[in-house]
């Protein structure tokens, strides 16, 4: 069955790969991001299936633009919360602006985007949160990211309880250590800024980073091929049951 699927943070990395993969499978994909040039290029890969929406999910007016891209026939929509920010900082260096940015992008925006889309999500819709192992395990310098993502994970748990009578199911998946622009930014930091930077440089040097399409294929399987009970269970890891 052809689905309408909204993907935030679709300009690059996992979001871009997932959009390409799902569009090739015949689904209608609404790609959301701030980079107009990147989204236009992505649209051109499959213009009949990929619909770009230039929007900043942290802004209410832009979230409304996403809802306006849907038609009355778009029911049981699938939503992938892929947009996120991860800026390592030790507590001694952490600013309130950095803290607020993480919560705005990683937690608040997904909640209120979900809210505005509720009429389209009900009766069979799914919401997939792109999670991280740092929502469950700690690493020095990643407290703000990990805490905001832990709250993001609990969003899935709470809304599964609250919205199941509307036929909306929430899932969460950790896509693995993927070769994305976020990884590149992390590797550019100094040891003083982020003591664990050597670990992330090692992922790249040892060719241990996953290709975005590898994660995308797993996420597509999880989104489309699992039962509601399976989809909503815990925090999936790349390869689990795939």
Foldseek 3Di string as FASTA:
>chain_A
DAAEEEEEPCLWFLNVLLQLVNVVVPHAYEYEEQDPVSLVVSCVVPVVRYHYQRADLLDPVSLVSVLVVDDPPQALHEYELDDADFDFAAPVGDDPVVLVRRLSNLPVSVVVSCVVCVRRNFDHHEYEYAAACLCPDPDGRRVSNNVSRVNVLVVQVVCCVVCVVRNYHYAAEHLFQAPIVNLVVLLPDDCVGPVCSVVSVVCVVVVVHHYSNQSSVQVVCLRPPDDSVVRSPDYHYRPVVD
